[in-house]
PDB file of N, CA and C in Angstrom:
ATOM      1  N   MET A   1     100.467 125.934 102.208  1.00  0.00           N
ATOM      2  CA  MET A   1     100.996 124.869 101.364  1.00  0.00           C
ATOM      3  C   MET A   1      99.886 123.859 101.063  1.00  0.00           C
ATOM      4  N   LYS A   2      99.646 123.615  99.802  1.00  0.00           N
ATOM      5  CA  LYS A   2      98.644 122.636  99.395  1.00  0.00           C
ATOM      6  C   LYS A   2      99.311 121.294  99.116  1.00  0.00           C
ATOM      7  N   ILE A   3      98.624 120.245  99.484  1.00  0.00           N
ATOM      8  CA  ILE A   3      99.103 118.897  99.208  1.00  0.00           C
ATOM      9  C   ILE A   3      98.151 118.281  98.188  1.00  0.00           C
ATOM     10  N   GLY A   4      98.684 117.805  97.073  1.00  0.00           N
ATOM     11  CA  GLY A   4      97.865 117.215  96.023  1.00  0.00           C
ATOM     12  C   GLY A   4      97.707 115.717  96.199  1.00  0.00           C
ATOM     13  N   ILE A   5      96.854 115.157  95.380  1.00  0.00           N
ATOM     14  CA  ILE A   5      96.599 113.718  95.433  1.00  0.00           C
ATOM     15  C   ILE A   5      97.868 112.935  95.110  1.00  0.00           C
ATOM     16  N   ILE A   6      98.631 113.402  94.134  1.00  0.00           N
ATOM     17  CA  ILE A   6      99.874 112.705  93.762  1.00  0.00           C
ATOM     18  C   ILE A   6     100.853 112.700  94.928  1.00  0.00           C
ATOM     19  N   ASP A   7     100.954 113.812  95.657  1.00  0.00           N
ATOM     20  CA  ASP A   7     101.863 113.887  96.808  1.00  0.00           C
ATOM     21  C   ASP A   7     101.459 112.892  97.887  1.00  0.00           C
ATOM     22  N   ILE A   8     100.171 112.753  98.107  1.00  0.00           N
ATOM     23  CA  ILE A   8      99.678 111.797  99.103  1.00  0.00           C
ATOM     24  C   ILE A   8      99.963 110.371  98.639  1.00  0.00           C
ATOM     25  N   CYS A   9      99.740 110.099  97.365  1.00  0.00           N
ATOM     26  CA  CYS A   9      99.969 108.757  96.821  1.00  0.00           C
ATOM     27  C   CYS A   9     101.441 108.359  96.877  1.00  0.00           C
ATOM     28  N   LYS A  10     102.345 109.319  96.749  1.00  0.00           N
ATOM     29  CA  LYS A  10     103.782 109.030  96.805  1.00  0.00           C
ATOM     30  C   LYS A  10     104.217 108.560  98.189  1.00  0.00           C
ATOM     31  N   GLN A  11     103.447 108.886  99.222  1.00  0.00           N
ATOM     32  CA  GLN A  11     103.795 108.513 100.589  1.00  0.00           C
ATOM     33  C   GLN A  11     103.422 107.069 100.905  1.00  0.00           C
ATOM     34  N   ILE A  12     102.602 106.448 100.067  1.00  0.00           N
ATOM     35  CA  ILE A  12     102.156 105.074 100.297  1.00  0.00           C
ATOM     36  C   ILE A  12     103.267 104.108  99.887  1.00  0.00           C
ATOM     37  N   GLU A  13     103.566 103.160 100.768  1.00  0.00           N
ATOM     38  CA  GLU A  13     104.629 102.184 100.506  1.00  0.00           C
ATOM     39  C   GLU A  13     104.190 101.195  99.433  1.00  0.00           C
ATOM     40  N   ASP A  14     105.090 100.862  98.540  1.00  0.00           N
ATOM     41  CA  ASP A  14     104.810  99.926  97.453  1.00  0.00           C
ATOM     42  C   ASP A  14     105.285  98.532  97.864  1.00  0.00           C
ATOM     43  N   PRO A  15     104.358  97.578  98.096  1.00  0.00           N
ATOM     44  CA  PRO A  15     104.748  96.245  98.563  1.00  0.00           C
ATOM     45  C   PRO A  15     105.191  95.292  97.447  1.00  0.00           C
ATOM     46  N   ARG A  16     105.144  95.727  96.208  1.00  0.00           N
ATOM     47  CA  ARG A  16     105.475  94.841  95.089  1.00  0.00           C
ATOM     48  C   ARG A  16     106.982  94.618  94.966  1.00  0.00           C
ATOM     49  N   MET A  17     107.340  93.498  94.322  1.00  0.00           N
ATOM     50  CA  MET A  17     108.747  93.215  94.042  1.00  0.00           C
ATOM     51  C   MET A  17     109.247  94.192  92.987  1.00  0.00           C
ATOM     52  N   ASP A  18     110.518  94.566  93.065  1.00  0.00           N
ATOM     53  CA  ASP A  18     111.087  95.533  92.125  1.00  0.00           C
ATOM     54  C   ASP A  18     110.989  95.070  90.674  1.00  0.00           C
ATOM     55  N   ARG A  19     111.183  93.797  90.433  1.00  0.00           N
ATOM     56  CA  ARG A  19     111.192  93.312  89.048  1.00  0.00           C
ATOM     57  C   ARG A  19     109.794  93.260  88.422  1.00  0.00           C
ATOM     58  N   LYS A  20     108.750  93.389  89.250  1.00  0.00           N
ATOM     59  CA  LYS A  20     107.384  93.326  88.726  1.00  0.00           C
ATOM     60  C   LYS A  20     106.715  94.691  88.645  1.00  0.00           C
ATOM     61  N   LYS A  21     107.487  95.750  88.789  1.00  0.00           N
ATOM     62  CA  LYS A  21     106.923  97.099  88.763  1.00  0.00           C
ATOM     63  C   LYS A  21     106.962  97.654  87.344  1.00  0.00           C
ATOM     64  N   LEU A  22     105.817  97.674  86.682  1.00  0.00           N
ATOM     65  CA  LEU A  22     105.740  98.273  85.356  1.00  0.00           C
ATOM     66  C   LEU A  22     105.330  99.740  85.446  1.00  0.00           C
ATOM     67  N   HIS A  23     104.550 100.068  86.480  1.00  0.00           N
ATOM     68  CA  HIS A  23     104.067 101.433  86.668  1.00  0.00           C
ATOM     69  C   HIS A  23     104.304 101.846  88.115  1.00  0.00           C
ATOM     70  N   LYS A  24     104.473 103.136  88.332  1.00  0.00           N
ATOM     71  CA  LYS A  24     104.666 103.646  89.688  1.00  0.00           C
ATOM     72  C   LYS A  24     103.379 103.477  90.484  1.00  0.00           C
ATOM     73  N   MET A  25     103.528 103.178  91.767  1.00  0.00           N
ATOM     74  CA  MET A  25     102.370 102.959  92.628  1.00  0.00           C
ATOM     75  C   MET A  25     101.481 104.199  92.686  1.00  0.00           C
ATOM     76  N   GLU A  26     102.087 105.398  92.774  1.00  0.00           N
ATOM     77  CA  GLU A  26     101.269 106.612  92.861  1.00  0.00           C
ATOM     78  C   GLU A  26     100.438 106.824  91.600  1.00  0.00           C
ATOM     79  N   THR A  27     100.946 106.388  90.453  1.00  0.00           N
ATOM     80  CA  THR A  27     100.187 106.508  89.205  1.00  0.00           C
ATOM     81  C   THR A  27      98.991 105.564  89.209  1.00  0.00           C
ATOM     82  N   ILE A  28      99.190 104.347  89.675  1.00  0.00           N
ATOM     83  CA  ILE A  28      98.106 103.367  89.743  1.00  0.00           C
ATOM     84  C   ILE A  28      97.001 103.856  90.671  1.00  0.00           C
ATOM     85  N   ILE A  29      97.379 104.376  91.825  1.00  0.00           N
ATOM     86  CA  ILE A  29      96.388 104.862  92.786  1.00  0.00           C
ATOM     87  C   ILE A  29      95.651 106.072  92.234  1.00  0.00           C
ATOM     88  N   TYR A  30      96.377 106.996  91.609  1.00  0.00           N
ATOM     89  CA  TYR A  30      95.755 108.200  91.054  1.00  0.00           C
ATOM     90  C   TYR A  30      94.748 107.839  89.962  1.00  0.00           C
ATOM     91  N   VAL A  31      95.106 106.932  89.073  1.00  0.00           N
ATOM     92  CA  VAL A  31      94.195 106.516  88.003  1.00  0.00           C
ATOM     93  C   VAL A  31      92.974 105.815  88.590  1.00  0.00           C
ATOM     94  N   SER A  32      93.168 105.011  89.627  1.00  0.00           N
ATOM     95  CA  SER A  32      92.048 104.336  90.280  1.00  0.00           C
ATOM     96  C   SER A  32      91.079 105.338  90.896  1.00  0.00           C
ATOM     97  N   ILE A  33      91.609 106.347  91.565  1.00  0.00           N
ATOM     98  CA  ILE A  33      90.761 107.383  92.168  1.00  0.00           C
ATOM     99  C   ILE A  33      90.026 108.158  91.078  1.00  0.00           C
ATOM    100  N   ALA A  34      90.720 108.509  90.012  1.00  0.00           N
ATOM    101  CA  ALA A  34      90.100 109.251  88.913  1.00  0.00           C
ATOM    102  C   ALA A  34      88.995 108.430  88.247  1.00  0.00           C
ATOM    103  N   ALA A  35      89.173 107.125  88.151  1.00  0.00           N
ATOM    104  CA  ALA A  35      88.159 106.267  87.536  1.00  0.00           C
ATOM    105  C   ALA A  35      86.885 106.217  88.372  1.00  0.00           C
ATOM    106  N   VAL A  36      87.033 106.250  89.676  1.00  0.00           N
ATOM    107  CA  VAL A  36      85.870 106.212  90.566  1.00  0.00           C
ATOM    108  C   VAL A  36      85.104 107.524  90.508  1.00  0.00           C
ATOM    109  N   ILE A  37      85.840 108.619  90.410  1.00  0.00           N
ATOM    110  CA  ILE A  37      85.194 109.939  90.354  1.00  0.00           C
ATOM    111  C   ILE A  37      84.514 110.067  89.020  1.00  0.00           C
TER     112      ILE A  37
END
């Protein structure tokens, strides 16, 4: 079984308030990692 980056990012808890969430936390982390690479 392979675990992808998105699966790992989904496990991270999102500390933001519900009303201030415009994007999913796993998407933000994935884009940040992709930008660094």
